[in-house]
Amino acid sequence: MAQIKNIQFSFREYTPSDKYVILSLFRDGIIEHVYPSFFKTMSHPDHIGIALSISMAGYVLGGSSFFQALLFGSAWAGLLYYCCREIYEGYMTRRLSSDMANIQANYLENSDNGFWVAEADVGGKAKVVGILAVMGKKEEEESERFDNMNGGVTPGGAEIFQDAEGSVYGEMSLMVVVFPWRKKNLGSLLMQKALDFCKEQGYGRLVLEVSSPQTAAISLCKKFGFVQIASHSNTHTNRWVSKLARINVLKMEKII
């Protein structure tokens, strides 16, 4: 049990009765990134220039029509929003059809993995306010996952850390904190639990991937000493969608 500013959080393993609550939190936790990503994409200088150009074209083609200018600009904004949503919805769909399809089998019945639920005492009743999942993985060739943006090297030019052949490491596959319970140190508690689990398992490092618009998550990683070791734009959507959305996936790592 952890107590922060009179708020008590408890952690336990996932149980089958948690399924629908957990899946709902997972969906909400992924889709909530769409709007921040969209606003960040729209604010990029290139997209601002394109939006102004398209709006001006609409103004001219519409015979000095401000409505036509607004319509053309809105169409461009709508396309960018579609691209951002497509990336996160695609990610969510893949996860729901893979490891999240059977949490019991993929996590709890595999001693290398762990899946936990964070609860808070609300009016004398336990309420799920966060979830955490870590998977143990064998070292594999990773260079193909990175594009030329960072090419599998750290910003300083060092090569990606490679474990000895056949060794395993921890990968944080999921961490969600319900919105009203953020900024109450729960994210830090979950991160520490993931690191403690990796130490108990004998993993040499903990890695995770986070999309570039998730600034709060990136800040939390840096707080715990994670460093960015690579980035890629492989969002498993059409390449033009990733290019327009300008969403990169950052790979973060902490040596334990």
C-alpha atoms as a PDB file:
ATOM      1  CA  MET A   1       0.000   0.000   0.000  1.00  0.00           C
ATOM      2  CA  ALA A   2       1.316   3.434  -0.954  1.00  0.00           C
ATOM      3  CA  GLN A   3      -0.045   6.621   0.600  1.00  0.00           C
ATOM      4  CA  ILE A   4       0.523   9.987  -1.082  1.00  0.00           C
ATOM      5  CA  LYS A   5      -1.094  13.155   0.301  1.00  0.00           C
ATOM      6  CA  ASN A   6      -3.849  11.209   2.089  1.00  0.00           C
ATOM      7  CA  ILE A   7      -4.591   9.183  -1.055  1.00  0.00           C
ATOM      8  CA  GLN A   8      -3.978   5.476  -0.730  1.00  0.00           C
ATOM      9  CA  PHE A   9      -3.090   3.331  -3.718  1.00  0.00           C
ATOM     10  CA  SER A  10      -2.894  -0.436  -3.618  1.00  0.00           C
ATOM     11  CA  PHE A  11      -1.525  -2.759  -6.291  1.00  0.00           C
ATOM     12  CA  ARG A  12      -2.661  -6.266  -7.128  1.00  0.00           C
ATOM     13  CA  GLU A  13      -2.484  -8.693 -10.000  1.00  0.00           C
ATOM     14  CA  TYR A  14      -5.094  -8.607 -12.723  1.00  0.00           C
ATOM     15  CA  THR A  15      -8.058 -10.956 -12.295  1.00  0.00           C
ATOM     16  CA  PRO A  16     -10.572 -12.057 -14.974  1.00  0.00           C
ATOM     17  CA  SER A  17     -13.265  -9.952 -13.295  1.00  0.00           C
ATOM     18  CA  ASP A  18     -11.258  -6.844 -14.218  1.00  0.00           C
ATOM     19  CA  LYS A  19     -11.495  -7.524 -17.951  1.00  0.00           C
ATOM     20  CA  TYR A  20     -14.132  -5.012 -19.047  1.00  0.00           C
ATOM     21  CA  VAL A  21     -12.881  -2.225 -16.783  1.00  0.00           C
ATOM     22  CA  ILE A  22      -9.307  -2.727 -17.951  1.00  0.00           C
ATOM     23  CA  LEU A  23     -10.217  -2.834 -21.637  1.00  0.00           C
ATOM     24  CA  SER A  24     -12.242   0.359 -21.236  1.00  0.00           C
ATOM     25  CA  LEU A  25      -9.330   2.126 -19.527  1.00  0.00           C
ATOM     26  CA  PHE A  26      -6.971   0.862 -22.211  1.00  0.00           C
ATOM     27  CA  ARG A  27      -9.152   2.215 -25.027  1.00  0.00           C
ATOM     28  CA  ASP A  28      -9.603   5.574 -23.321  1.00  0.00           C
ATOM     29  CA  GLY A  29      -5.899   5.785 -22.526  1.00  0.00           C
ATOM     30  CA  ILE A  30      -4.959   5.335 -26.187  1.00  0.00           C
ATOM     31  CA  ILE A  31      -7.617   7.462 -27.876  1.00  0.00           C
ATOM     32  CA  GLU A  32      -7.014  10.420 -25.549  1.00  0.00           C
ATOM     33  CA  HIS A  33      -3.737  11.043 -27.374  1.00  0.00           C
ATOM     34  CA  VAL A  34      -5.505  11.876 -30.639  1.00  0.00           C
ATOM     35  CA  TYR A  35      -6.364  15.505 -29.865  1.00  0.00           C
ATOM     36  CA  PRO A  36      -2.943  16.466 -28.410  1.00  0.00           C
ATOM     37  CA  SER A  37      -1.320  14.837 -31.425  1.00  0.00           C
ATOM     38  CA  PHE A  38      -3.628  16.703 -33.802  1.00  0.00           C
ATOM     39  CA  PHE A  39      -2.923  20.102 -32.220  1.00  0.00           C
ATOM     40  CA  LYS A  40       0.801  19.432 -32.250  1.00  0.00           C
ATOM     41  CA  THR A  41       0.621  18.391 -35.900  1.00  0.00           C
ATOM     42  CA  MET A  42      -1.430  21.432 -36.888  1.00  0.00           C
ATOM     43  CA  SER A  43       1.050  23.752 -35.180  1.00  0.00           C
ATOM     44  CA  HIS A  44       3.985  22.505 -37.248  1.00  0.00           C
ATOM     45  CA  PRO A  45       5.306  25.344 -39.453  1.00  0.00           C
ATOM     46  CA  ASP A  46       5.001  23.241 -42.628  1.00  0.00           C
ATOM     47  CA  HIS A  47       1.349  22.435 -41.952  1.00  0.00           C
ATOM     48  CA  ILE A  48       0.555  26.025 -41.032  1.00  0.00           C
ATOM     49  CA  GLY A  49       2.022  27.130 -44.356  1.00  0.00           C
ATOM     50  CA  ILE A  50       0.051  24.515 -46.261  1.00  0.00           C
ATOM     51  CA  ALA A  51      -3.162  25.438 -44.441  1.00  0.00           C
ATOM     52  CA  LEU A  52      -2.709  29.111 -45.314  1.00  0.00           C
ATOM     53  CA  SER A  53      -1.930  28.274 -48.937  1.00  0.00           C
ATOM     54  CA  ILE A  54      -4.959  26.007 -49.271  1.00  0.00           C
ATOM     55  CA  SER A  55      -7.198  28.591 -47.619  1.00  0.00           C
ATOM     56  CA  MET A  56      -5.918  31.273 -49.993  1.00  0.00           C
ATOM     57  CA  ALA A  57      -6.579  28.981 -52.947  1.00  0.00           C
ATOM     58  CA  GLY A  58     -10.124  28.483 -51.714  1.00  0.00           C
ATOM     59  CA  TYR A  59     -10.539  32.235 -51.316  1.00  0.00           C
ATOM     60  CA  VAL A  60      -9.383  32.887 -54.882  1.00  0.00           C
ATOM     61  CA  LEU A  61     -11.272  29.998 -56.501  1.00  0.00           C
ATOM     62  CA  GLY A  62     -14.408  30.943 -54.611  1.00  0.00           C
ATOM     63  CA  GLY A  63     -14.354  34.485 -55.986  1.00  0.00           C
ATOM     64  CA  SER A  64     -13.036  36.163 -52.830  1.00  0.00           C
ATOM     65  CA  SER A  65     -15.187  33.918 -50.659  1.00  0.00           C
ATOM     66  CA  PHE A  66     -14.144  33.696 -47.021  1.00  0.00           C
ATOM     67  CA  PHE A  67     -16.460  30.713 -46.622  1.00  0.00           C
ATOM     68  CA  GLN A  68     -14.608  28.875 -49.392  1.00  0.00           C
ATOM     69  CA  ALA A  69     -11.302  29.735 -47.744  1.00  0.00           C
ATOM     70  CA  LEU A  70     -12.564  28.356 -44.429  1.00  0.00           C
ATOM     71  CA  LEU A  71     -13.916  25.251 -46.154  1.00  0.00           C
ATOM     72  CA  PHE A  72     -10.602  24.477 -47.848  1.00  0.00           C
ATOM     73  CA  GLY A  73      -8.639  25.069 -44.645  1.00  0.00           C
ATOM     74  CA  SER A  74     -11.037  22.872 -42.667  1.00  0.00           C
ATOM     75  CA  ALA A  75     -10.623  20.071 -45.193  1.00  0.00           C
ATOM     76  CA  TRP A  76      -6.855  20.124 -44.630  1.00  0.00           C
ATOM     77  CA  ALA A  77      -7.310  20.127 -40.853  1.00  0.00           C
ATOM     78  CA  GLY A  78      -9.754  17.241 -41.173  1.00  0.00           C
ATOM     79  CA  LEU A  79      -7.208  15.209 -43.122  1.00  0.00           C
ATOM     80  CA  LEU A  80      -4.564  15.750 -40.445  1.00  0.00           C
ATOM     81  CA  TYR A  81      -7.019  14.780 -37.708  1.00  0.00           C
ATOM     82  CA  TYR A  82      -7.869  11.608 -39.616  1.00  0.00           C
ATOM     83  CA  CYS A  83      -4.178  10.703 -39.856  1.00  0.00           C
ATOM     84  CA  CYS A  84      -3.615  11.186 -36.117  1.00  0.00           C
ATOM     85  CA  ARG A  85      -6.688   9.179 -35.187  1.00  0.00           C
ATOM     86  CA  GLU A  86      -5.835   6.425 -37.660  1.00  0.00           C
ATOM     87  CA  ILE A  87      -2.445   5.889 -35.998  1.00  0.00           C
ATOM     88  CA  TYR A  88      -3.780   5.529 -32.455  1.00  0.00           C
ATOM     89  CA  GLU A  89      -6.874   3.561 -33.412  1.00  0.00           C
ATOM     90  CA  GLY A  90      -4.721   1.214 -35.479  1.00  0.00           C
ATOM     91  CA  TYR A  91      -2.402   0.672 -32.525  1.00  0.00           C
ATOM     92  CA  MET A  92      -5.351   0.015 -30.223  1.00  0.00           C
ATOM     93  CA  THR A  93      -6.910  -2.479 -32.637  1.00  0.00           C
ATOM     94  CA  ARG A  94      -3.651  -4.423 -32.977  1.00  0.00           C
ATOM     95  CA  ARG A  95      -3.211  -4.650 -29.226  1.00  0.00           C
ATOM     96  CA  LEU A  96      -6.819  -5.730 -28.659  1.00  0.00           C
ATOM     97  CA  SER A  97      -6.314  -8.582 -31.099  1.00  0.00           C
ATOM     98  CA  SER A  98      -2.939  -9.657 -29.680  1.00  0.00           C
ATOM     99  CA  ASP A  99      -1.759  -9.553 -26.046  1.00  0.00           C
ATOM    100  CA  MET A 100      -4.834  -7.707 -24.726  1.00  0.00           C
ATOM    101  CA  ALA A 101      -7.156 -10.322 -26.232  1.00  0.00           C
ATOM    102  CA  ASN A 102      -6.281 -12.770 -23.453  1.00  0.00           C
ATOM    103  CA  ILE A 103      -4.547 -11.051 -20.548  1.00  0.00           C
ATOM    104  CA  GLN A 104      -4.754 -14.117 -18.339  1.00  0.00           C
ATOM    105  CA  ALA A 105      -2.882 -16.338 -20.789  1.00  0.00           C
ATOM    106  CA  ASN A 106      -0.449 -13.756 -22.148  1.00  0.00           C
ATOM    107  CA  TYR A 107       0.600 -12.254 -18.826  1.00  0.00           C
ATOM    108  CA  LEU A 108      -0.430 -14.106 -15.665  1.00  0.00           C
ATOM    109  CA  GLU A 109       0.214 -17.603 -16.984  1.00  0.00           C
ATOM    110  CA  ASN A 110       3.664 -16.587 -18.181  1.00  0.00           C
ATOM    111  CA  SER A 111       6.099 -16.156 -15.307  1.00  0.00           C
ATOM    112  CA  ASP A 112       8.204 -13.750 -17.404  1.00  0.00           C
ATOM    113  CA  ASN A 113       5.333 -11.258 -17.596  1.00  0.00           C
ATOM    114  CA  GLY A 114       3.253  -9.246 -15.154  1.00  0.00           C
ATOM    115  CA  PHE A 115      -0.023  -7.320 -15.234  1.00  0.00           C
ATOM    116  CA  TRP A 116      -1.131  -5.195 -12.293  1.00  0.00           C
ATOM    117  CA  VAL A 117      -4.092  -3.059 -11.326  1.00  0.00           C
ATOM    118  CA  ALA A 118      -3.802   0.068  -9.181  1.00  0.00           C
ATOM    119  CA  GLU A 119      -6.744   0.858  -6.925  1.00  0.00           C
ATOM    120  CA  ALA A 120      -7.696   3.839  -4.791  1.00  0.00           C
ATOM    121  CA  ASP A 121     -10.023   3.912  -1.816  1.00  0.00           C
ATOM    122  CA  VAL A 122     -13.009   6.017  -2.886  1.00  0.00           C
ATOM    123  CA  GLY A 123     -15.804   6.255  -0.362  1.00  0.00           C
ATOM    124  CA  GLY A 124     -14.760   3.000   1.224  1.00  0.00           C
ATOM    125  CA  LYS A 125     -14.757   1.154  -2.093  1.00  0.00           C
ATOM    126  CA  ALA A 126     -11.787   0.139  -4.226  1.00  0.00           C
ATOM    127  CA  LYS A 127     -11.744   1.859  -7.617  1.00  0.00           C
ATOM    128  CA  VAL A 128      -9.393   0.958 -10.459  1.00  0.00           C
ATOM    129  CA  VAL A 129      -7.328   4.066 -11.251  1.00  0.00           C
ATOM    130  CA  GLY A 130      -4.341   2.659 -13.126  1.00  0.00           C
ATOM    131  CA  ILE A 131      -2.920  -0.357 -14.929  1.00  0.00           C
ATOM    132  CA  LEU A 132       0.590  -1.616 -15.653  1.00  0.00           C
ATOM    133  CA  ALA A 133       1.949  -4.442 -17.782  1.00  0.00           C
ATOM    134  CA  VAL A 134       5.506  -5.685 -18.334  1.00  0.00           C
ATOM    135  CA  MET A 135       6.646  -8.439 -20.666  1.00  0.00           C
ATOM    136  CA  GLY A 136       9.899 -10.345 -20.569  1.00  0.00           C
ATOM    137  CA  LYS A 137      11.482 -10.606 -24.008  1.00  0.00           C
ATOM    138  CA  LYS A 138      14.513 -12.259 -25.510  1.00  0.00           C
ATOM    139  CA  GLU A 139      17.065 -10.054 -27.182  1.00  0.00           C
ATOM    140  CA  GLU A 140      16.391  -9.728 -30.888  1.00  0.00           C
ATOM    141  CA  GLU A 141      17.696  -7.836 -33.847  1.00  0.00           C
ATOM    142  CA  GLU A 142      16.196  -4.355 -33.546  1.00  0.00           C
ATOM    143  CA  SER A 143      17.872  -2.286 -36.240  1.00  0.00           C
ATOM    144  CA  GLU A 144      15.164  -2.972 -38.823  1.00  0.00           C
ATOM    145  CA  ARG A 145      12.598  -1.228 -36.629  1.00  0.00           C
ATOM    146  CA  PHE A 146      14.248   2.161 -36.949  1.00  0.00           C
ATOM    147  CA  ASP A 147      14.227   4.484 -39.898  1.00  0.00           C
ATOM    148  CA  ASN A 148      16.833   6.963 -40.997  1.00  0.00           C
ATOM    149  CA  MET A 149      15.628   9.557 -38.508  1.00  0.00           C
ATOM    150  CA  ASN A 150      17.690   7.989 -35.779  1.00  0.00           C
ATOM    151  CA  GLY A 151      18.893   4.790 -37.382  1.00  0.00           C
ATOM    152  CA  GLY A 152      19.273   2.743 -34.200  1.00  0.00           C
ATOM    153  CA  VAL A 153      21.694   5.084 -32.480  1.00  0.00           C
ATOM    154  CA  THR A 154      21.381   7.411 -29.544  1.00  0.00           C
ATOM    155  CA  PRO A 155      21.390  11.165 -30.118  1.00  0.00           C
ATOM    156  CA  GLY A 156      25.010  11.176 -28.995  1.00  0.00           C
ATOM    157  CA  GLY A 157      25.977   8.557 -31.537  1.00  0.00           C
ATOM    158  CA  ALA A 158      26.444   5.510 -29.272  1.00  0.00           C
ATOM    159  CA  GLU A 159      25.165   2.187 -30.514  1.00  0.00           C
ATOM    160  CA  ILE A 160      22.027   0.660 -29.022  1.00  0.00           C
ATOM    161  CA  PHE A 161      22.747  -1.377 -25.930  1.00  0.00           C
ATOM    162  CA  GLN A 162      22.739  -5.066 -26.743  1.00  0.00           C
ATOM    163  CA  ASP A 163      22.327  -7.771 -24.124  1.00  0.00           C
ATOM    164  CA  ALA A 164      24.314 -10.955 -24.324  1.00  0.00           C
ATOM    165  CA  GLU A 165      22.937 -13.514 -26.728  1.00  0.00           C
ATOM    166  CA  GLY A 166      19.934 -15.354 -25.302  1.00  0.00           C
ATOM    167  CA  SER A 167      19.387 -12.909 -22.425  1.00  0.00           C
ATOM    168  CA  VAL A 168      16.057 -11.275 -21.651  1.00  0.00           C
ATOM    169  CA  TYR A 169      14.940  -7.768 -20.830  1.00  0.00           C
ATOM    170  CA  GLY A 170      11.743  -6.166 -19.632  1.00  0.00           C
ATOM    171  CA  GLU A 171       9.432  -4.235 -21.906  1.00  0.00           C
ATOM    172  CA  MET A 172       6.715  -2.039 -20.440  1.00  0.00           C
ATOM    173  CA  SER A 173       3.836  -2.823 -22.765  1.00  0.00           C
ATOM    174  CA  LEU A 174       1.213  -0.744 -20.975  1.00  0.00           C
ATOM    175  CA  MET A 175       0.809   1.946 -18.342  1.00  0.00           C
ATOM    176  CA  VAL A 176      -2.371   3.968 -17.909  1.00  0.00           C
ATOM    177  CA  VAL A 177      -3.368   6.361 -15.132  1.00  0.00           C
ATOM    178  CA  VAL A 178      -7.012   7.460 -15.101  1.00  0.00           C
ATOM    179  CA  PHE A 179      -7.236  11.204 -15.770  1.00  0.00           C
ATOM    180  CA  PRO A 180      -8.598  12.442 -12.386  1.00  0.00           C
ATOM    181  CA  TRP A 181      -5.803  10.552 -10.606  1.00  0.00           C
ATOM    182  CA  ARG A 182      -2.896  12.059 -12.457  1.00  0.00           C
ATOM    183  CA  LYS A 183      -0.378  14.378 -10.815  1.00  0.00           C
ATOM    184  CA  LYS A 184      -0.818  12.406  -7.599  1.00  0.00           C
ATOM    185  CA  ASN A 185       2.417  10.416  -8.013  1.00  0.00           C
ATOM    186  CA  LEU A 186       0.618   7.285  -9.195  1.00  0.00           C
ATOM    187  CA  GLY A 187       2.572   7.265 -12.460  1.00  0.00           C
ATOM    188  CA  SER A 188       5.833   7.262 -10.501  1.00  0.00           C
ATOM    189  CA  LEU A 189       4.610   4.443  -8.273  1.00  0.00           C
ATOM    190  CA  LEU A 190       3.682   2.342 -11.298  1.00  0.00           C
ATOM    191  CA  MET A 191       7.035   3.036 -12.947  1.00  0.00           C
ATOM    192  CA  GLN A 192       8.857   1.982  -9.783  1.00  0.00           C
ATOM    193  CA  LYS A 193       6.808  -1.206  -9.629  1.00  0.00           C
ATOM    194  CA  ALA A 194       7.818  -2.031 -13.199  1.00  0.00           C
ATOM    195  CA  LEU A 195      11.489  -1.491 -12.337  1.00  0.00           C
ATOM    196  CA  ASP A 196      11.185  -3.596  -9.165  1.00  0.00           C
ATOM    197  CA  PHE A 197       9.607  -6.424 -11.155  1.00  0.00           C
ATOM    198  CA  CYS A 198      12.458  -6.334 -13.671  1.00  0.00           C
ATOM    199  CA  LYS A 199      15.019  -6.491 -10.852  1.00  0.00           C
ATOM    200  CA  GLU A 200      13.261  -9.504  -9.318  1.00  0.00           C
ATOM    201  CA  GLN A 201      13.233 -11.224 -12.713  1.00  0.00           C
ATOM    202  CA  GLY A 202      16.904 -10.508 -13.263  1.00  0.00           C
ATOM    203  CA  TYR A 203      16.344  -8.366 -16.343  1.00  0.00           C
ATOM    204  CA  GLY A 204      19.247  -6.102 -17.228  1.00  0.00           C
ATOM    205  CA  ARG A 205      17.116  -3.276 -18.559  1.00  0.00           C
ATOM    206  CA  LEU A 206      13.596  -1.959 -18.980  1.00  0.00           C
ATOM    207  CA  VAL A 207      12.522  -0.547 -22.335  1.00  0.00           C
ATOM    208  CA  LEU A 208       9.357   1.081 -23.566  1.00  0.00           C
ATOM    209  CA  GLU A 209       8.056   2.914 -26.582  1.00  0.00           C
ATOM    210  CA  VAL A 210       6.127   6.171 -26.417  1.00  0.00           C
ATOM    211  CA  SER A 211       4.748   8.413 -29.145  1.00  0.00           C
ATOM    212  CA  SER A 212       6.320  11.848 -29.485  1.00  0.00           C
ATOM    213  CA  PRO A 213       3.164  13.805 -28.476  1.00  0.00           C
ATOM    214  CA  GLN A 214       3.078  12.065 -25.075  1.00  0.00           C
ATOM    215  CA  THR A 215       5.150  14.723 -23.351  1.00  0.00           C
ATOM    216  CA  ALA A 216       4.053  13.808 -19.816  1.00  0.00           C
ATOM    217  CA  ALA A 217       5.081  10.181 -20.302  1.00  0.00           C
ATOM    218  CA  ILE A 218       8.432  11.225 -21.764  1.00  0.00           C
ATOM    219  CA  SER A 219       9.054  13.523 -18.785  1.00  0.00           C
ATOM    220  CA  LEU A 220       8.266  10.685 -16.377  1.00  0.00           C
ATOM    221  CA  CYS A 221      10.734   8.414 -18.162  1.00  0.00           C
ATOM    222  CA  LYS A 222      13.474  11.024 -17.966  1.00  0.00           C
ATOM    223  CA  LYS A 223      12.728  11.533 -14.269  1.00  0.00           C
ATOM    224  CA  PHE A 224      13.545   7.855 -13.713  1.00  0.00           C
ATOM    225  CA  GLY A 225      16.721   7.993 -15.745  1.00  0.00           C
ATOM    226  CA  PHE A 226      15.483   6.578 -19.036  1.00  0.00           C
ATOM    227  CA  VAL A 227      17.296   7.711 -22.147  1.00  0.00           C
ATOM    228  CA  GLN A 228      16.087   7.784 -25.724  1.00  0.00           C
ATOM    229  CA  ILE A 229      18.045   5.230 -27.712  1.00  0.00           C
ATOM    230  CA  ALA A 230      16.193   5.431 -31.018  1.00  0.00           C
ATOM    231  CA  SER A 231      13.131   6.689 -32.834  1.00  0.00           C
ATOM    232  CA  HIS A 232      11.098   5.408 -35.748  1.00  0.00           C
ATOM    233  CA  SER A 233       7.945   6.249 -37.649  1.00  0.00           C
ATOM    234  CA  ASN A 234       6.746   2.672 -38.114  1.00  0.00           C
ATOM    235  CA  THR A 235       3.177   3.142 -36.871  1.00  0.00           C
ATOM    236  CA  HIS A 236       1.900   0.216 -38.980  1.00  0.00           C
ATOM    237  CA  THR A 237      -0.288   2.538 -41.024  1.00  0.00           C
ATOM    238  CA  ASN A 238       0.188   3.775 -44.561  1.00  0.00           C
ATOM    239  CA  ARG A 239       3.449   5.662 -44.736  1.00  0.00           C
ATOM    240  CA  TRP A 240       1.779   8.834 -45.974  1.00  0.00           C
ATOM    241  CA  VAL A 241      -0.437   8.813 -42.871  1.00  0.00           C
ATOM    242  CA  SER A 242       2.624   8.754 -40.604  1.00  0.00           C
ATOM    243  CA  LYS A 243       4.325  11.440 -42.651  1.00  0.00           C
ATOM    244  CA  LEU A 244       1.360  13.803 -42.465  1.00  0.00           C
ATOM    245  CA  ALA A 245       0.732  13.168 -38.761  1.00  0.00           C
ATOM    246  CA  ARG A 246       4.440  13.673 -37.978  1.00  0.00           C
ATOM    247  CA  ILE A 247       4.169  11.221 -35.087  1.00  0.00           C
ATOM    248  CA  ASN A 248       7.383   9.455 -34.144  1.00  0.00           C
ATOM    249  CA  VAL A 249       7.766   6.536 -31.768  1.00  0.00           C
ATOM    250  CA  LEU A 250      10.563   7.044 -29.252  1.00  0.00           C
ATOM    251  CA  LYS A 251      12.320   4.057 -27.742  1.00  0.00           C
ATOM    252  CA  MET A 252      13.362   4.698 -24.139  1.00  0.00           C
ATOM    253  CA  GLU A 253      15.667   2.520 -22.029  1.00  0.00           C
ATOM    254  CA  LYS A 254      16.890   2.297 -18.468  1.00  0.00           C
ATOM    255  CA  ILE A 255      19.739   0.008 -17.485  1.00  0.00           C
ATOM    256  CA  ILE A 256      18.943  -1.733 -14.211  1.00  0.00           C
END
